[in-house]
C-alpha atoms as a PDB file:
ATOM      1  CA  UNK A   1      -8.549  10.649 -11.947  1.00  0.00           C
ATOM      2  CA  UNK A   2      -6.339   7.594 -10.941  1.00  0.00           C
ATOM      3  CA  UNK A   3      -4.416   7.419  -7.277  1.00  0.00           C
ATOM      4  CA  UNK A   4      -1.933   5.070  -5.928  1.00  0.00           C
ATOM      5  CA  UNK A   5      -2.702   5.167  -2.141  1.00  0.00           C
ATOM      6  CA  UNK A   6       0.012   3.345  -0.587  1.00  0.00           C
ATOM      7  CA  UNK A   7       0.563   1.727   2.903  1.00  0.00           C
ATOM      8  CA  UNK A   8       3.952   2.350   4.557  1.00  0.00           C
ATOM      9  CA  UNK A   9       4.347  -0.203   7.295  1.00  0.00           C
ATOM     10  CA  UNK A  10       6.691  -0.058  10.744  1.00  0.00           C
ATOM     11  CA  UNK A  11       6.986  -3.384  11.755  1.00  0.00           C
ATOM     12  CA  UNK A  12       7.710  -2.282  15.418  1.00  0.00           C
ATOM     13  CA  UNK A  13       4.484  -0.325  15.404  1.00  0.00           C
ATOM     14  CA  UNK A  14       2.768  -3.560  14.412  1.00  0.00           C
ATOM     15  CA  UNK A  15       4.433  -5.511  16.893  1.00  0.00           C
ATOM     16  CA  UNK A  16       3.224  -3.096  19.627  1.00  0.00           C
ATOM     17  CA  UNK A  17      -0.723  -3.705  18.622  1.00  0.00           C
ATOM     18  CA  UNK A  18      -2.787  -6.036  20.504  1.00  0.00           C
ATOM     19  CA  UNK A  19      -4.300  -8.951  18.862  1.00  0.00           C
ATOM     20  CA  UNK A  20      -7.506  -7.316  18.678  1.00  0.00           C
ATOM     21  CA  UNK A  21      -6.264  -4.006  17.377  1.00  0.00           C
ATOM     22  CA  UNK A  22      -4.234  -6.108  14.531  1.00  0.00           C
ATOM     23  CA  UNK A  23      -7.780  -7.565  14.010  1.00  0.00           C
ATOM     24  CA  UNK A  24      -9.738  -4.375  13.838  1.00  0.00           C
ATOM     25  CA  UNK A  25      -6.908  -3.279  10.706  1.00  0.00           C
ATOM     26  CA  UNK A  26      -7.798  -6.472   9.138  1.00  0.00           C
ATOM     27  CA  UNK A  27     -11.879  -5.761   9.462  1.00  0.00           C
ATOM     28  CA  UNK A  28     -11.168  -2.133   8.688  1.00  0.00           C
ATOM     29  CA  UNK A  29      -9.542  -2.929   5.484  1.00  0.00           C
ATOM     30  CA  UNK A  30     -12.540  -5.782   4.118  1.00  0.00           C
ATOM     31  CA  UNK A  31     -14.783  -2.861   5.254  1.00  0.00           C
ATOM     32  CA  UNK A  32     -13.272  -0.267   3.091  1.00  0.00           C
ATOM     33  CA  UNK A  33     -12.399  -3.023   0.266  1.00  0.00           C
ATOM     34  CA  UNK A  34     -16.323  -3.666  -0.039  1.00  0.00           C
ATOM     35  CA  UNK A  35     -17.069   0.171   0.133  1.00  0.00           C
ATOM     36  CA  UNK A  36     -14.904   0.873  -2.582  1.00  0.00           C
ATOM     37  CA  UNK A  37     -15.836  -1.872  -4.567  1.00  0.00           C
ATOM     38  CA  UNK A  38     -19.342  -0.677  -4.526  1.00  0.00           C
ATOM     39  CA  UNK A  39     -18.958   2.791  -5.228  1.00  0.00           C
ATOM     40  CA  UNK A  40     -16.779   1.421  -8.161  1.00  0.00           C
ATOM     41  CA  UNK A  41     -13.580   3.483  -7.266  1.00  0.00           C
ATOM     42  CA  UNK A  42     -11.343   0.245  -6.812  1.00  0.00           C
ATOM     43  CA  UNK A  43      -8.963  -0.817  -9.768  1.00  0.00           C
ATOM     44  CA  UNK A  44      -7.217  -3.083  -7.482  1.00  0.00           C
ATOM     45  CA  UNK A  45      -5.167  -3.614  -4.351  1.00  0.00           C
ATOM     46  CA  UNK A  46      -2.347  -5.886  -3.288  1.00  0.00           C
ATOM     47  CA  UNK A  47      -0.497  -6.771   0.027  1.00  0.00           C
ATOM     48  CA  UNK A  48       2.872  -7.343  -0.247  1.00  0.00           C
ATOM     49  CA  UNK A  49       5.348  -9.659   1.470  1.00  0.00           C
ATOM     50  CA  UNK A  50       7.700  -9.041   4.420  1.00  0.00           C
ATOM     51  CA  UNK A  51      10.922  -6.859   2.798  1.00  0.00           C
ATOM     52  CA  UNK A  52      12.837  -9.569   4.550  1.00  0.00           C
ATOM     53  CA  UNK A  53      11.729 -11.994   1.047  1.00  0.00           C
ATOM     54  CA  UNK A  54      12.902  -9.273  -1.320  1.00  0.00           C
ATOM     55  CA  UNK A  55      15.697  -9.371  -3.676  1.00  0.00           C
ATOM     56  CA  UNK A  56      17.259  -6.485  -5.130  1.00  0.00           C
ATOM     57  CA  UNK A  57      18.625  -6.725  -8.808  1.00  0.00           C
ATOM     58  CA  UNK A  58      21.222  -4.562 -10.214  1.00  0.00           C
ATOM     59  CA  UNK A  59      23.334  -4.820 -13.611  1.00  0.00           C
ATOM     60  CA  UNK A  60      26.841  -4.348 -13.231  1.00  0.00           C
ATOM     61  CA  UNK A  61      29.219  -5.084 -16.206  1.00  0.00           C
ATOM     62  CA  UNK A  62      26.025  -6.515 -17.840  1.00  0.00           C
ATOM     63  CA  UNK A  63      25.921  -9.108 -15.830  1.00  0.00           C
ATOM     64  CA  UNK A  64      22.958  -9.428 -13.184  1.00  0.00           C
ATOM     65  CA  UNK A  65      23.556  -8.937  -9.617  1.00  0.00           C
ATOM     66  CA  UNK A  66      20.992 -10.343  -7.032  1.00  0.00           C
ATOM     67  CA  UNK A  67      21.194  -9.122  -3.161  1.00  0.00           C
ATOM     68  CA  UNK A  68      18.524 -10.808  -0.708  1.00  0.00           C
ATOM     69  CA  UNK A  69      16.569  -8.405   1.203  1.00  0.00           C
ATOM     70  CA  UNK A  70      15.386  -4.801   0.769  1.00  0.00           C
ATOM     71  CA  UNK A  71      16.613  -2.172  -1.089  1.00  0.00           C
ATOM     72  CA  UNK A  72      17.412  -0.015   1.657  1.00  0.00           C
ATOM     73  CA  UNK A  73      17.603  -0.558   5.624  1.00  0.00           C
ATOM     74  CA  UNK A  74      14.537   1.397   7.053  1.00  0.00           C
ATOM     75  CA  UNK A  75      12.255   1.346   9.590  1.00  0.00           C
ATOM     76  CA  UNK A  76       9.278   1.310   7.384  1.00  0.00           C
ATOM     77  CA  UNK A  77       8.493  -0.478   4.014  1.00  0.00           C
ATOM     78  CA  UNK A  78       5.726  -0.582   1.470  1.00  0.00           C
ATOM     79  CA  UNK A  79       3.225  -3.307   2.812  1.00  0.00           C
ATOM     80  CA  UNK A  80       0.905  -2.990   0.331  1.00  0.00           C
ATOM     81  CA  UNK A  81      -1.037  -0.356  -1.867  1.00  0.00           C
ATOM     82  CA  UNK A  82      -4.787   0.483  -3.196  1.00  0.00           C
ATOM     83  CA  UNK A  83      -5.365   1.483  -6.945  1.00  0.00           C
ATOM     84  CA  UNK A  84      -8.526   3.760  -7.125  1.00  0.00           C
ATOM     85  CA  UNK A  85     -10.238   5.740  -9.861  1.00  0.00           C
ATOM     86  CA  UNK A  86     -12.030   8.766  -8.346  1.00  0.00           C
ATOM     87  CA  UNK A  87     -13.382  12.005  -9.135  1.00  0.00           C
ATOM     88  CA  UNK A  88     -10.348  14.134  -7.648  1.00  0.00           C
ATOM     89  CA  UNK A  89      -7.707  14.386  -5.176  1.00  0.00           C
ATOM     90  CA  UNK A  90     -10.056  15.399  -2.494  1.00  0.00           C
ATOM     91  CA  UNK A  91     -12.174  12.409  -3.109  1.00  0.00           C
ATOM     92  CA  UNK A  92      -8.680  10.291  -3.313  1.00  0.00           C
ATOM     93  CA  UNK A  93      -7.428  11.844   0.038  1.00  0.00           C
ATOM     94  CA  UNK A  94     -10.761  11.210   1.790  1.00  0.00           C
ATOM     95  CA  UNK A  95     -10.711   8.013   1.047  1.00  0.00           C
ATOM     96  CA  UNK A  96      -7.335   7.620   2.351  1.00  0.00           C
ATOM     97  CA  UNK A  97      -8.674   8.880   5.416  1.00  0.00           C
ATOM     98  CA  UNK A  98     -11.209   5.819   5.769  1.00  0.00           C
ATOM     99  CA  UNK A  99      -8.366   3.345   5.772  1.00  0.00           C
ATOM    100  CA  UNK A 100      -7.355   2.039   9.612  1.00  0.00           C
ATOM    101  CA  UNK A 101      -3.831   2.551   9.245  1.00  0.00           C
ATOM    102  CA  UNK A 102      -4.069   6.263   8.676  1.00  0.00           C
ATOM    103  CA  UNK A 103      -5.399   6.220  12.477  1.00  0.00           C
ATOM    104  CA  UNK A 104      -2.317   4.470  13.724  1.00  0.00           C
ATOM    105  CA  UNK A 105       0.738   6.434  14.753  1.00  0.00           C
ATOM    106  CA  UNK A 106       3.590   5.407  12.813  1.00  0.00           C
ATOM    107  CA  UNK A 107       1.933   4.168   9.752  1.00  0.00           C
ATOM    108  CA  UNK A 108       1.689   6.051   6.775  1.00  0.00           C
ATOM    109  CA  UNK A 109      -1.004   6.052   4.169  1.00  0.00           C
ATOM    110  CA  UNK A 110       0.528   8.392   1.188  1.00  0.00           C
ATOM    111  CA  UNK A 111      -2.077   9.724  -1.817  1.00  0.00           C
ATOM    112  CA  UNK A 112      -0.667  10.181  -5.132  1.00  0.00           C
ATOM    113  CA  UNK A 113      -1.770  10.637  -8.539  1.00  0.00           C
ATOM    114  CA  UNK A 114      -0.826   8.459 -11.481  1.00  0.00           C
ATOM    115  CA  UNK A 115       0.501  10.300 -14.245  1.00  0.00           C
ATOM    116  CA  UNK A 116       1.037   7.330 -16.804  1.00  0.00           C
ATOM    117  CA  UNK A 117      -0.247   3.765 -16.922  1.00  0.00           C
ATOM    118  CA  UNK A 118      -0.095   1.056 -19.480  1.00  0.00           C
ATOM    119  CA  UNK A 119      -1.888  -2.296 -19.284  1.00  0.00           C
ATOM    120  CA  UNK A 120      -5.404  -3.695 -18.744  1.00  0.00           C
ATOM    121  CA  UNK A 121      -6.406  -1.225 -15.817  1.00  0.00           C
ATOM    122  CA  UNK A 122     -10.131  -1.145 -17.115  1.00  0.00           C
ATOM    123  CA  UNK A 123     -10.683  -4.652 -15.969  1.00  0.00           C
END
């Protein structure tokens, strides 16, 4: 079964962390990635740029309209994700609990089952 484990970031929470705490998060992600690569459960992972670099595209009257910045004003944003292939939902939840963000109040780790995929996800 495939699951998307998404990481929701609050910049104010990250800004309040010490350099050592930030380094520990990075190290924890490195350890987590090595573990799920070794177990064969990692399909892919991506970290996203800050939402200030985003653009929102909509079409009005057949013309594209591009607006700089995030889609919505929010305290939190999608910071990245892990796409995993594991035995069941319980395993996906156990994997999510190993992500260092899950231990920091104000950061979110969400697990959702993938219902449909198109493309080369087996590579």
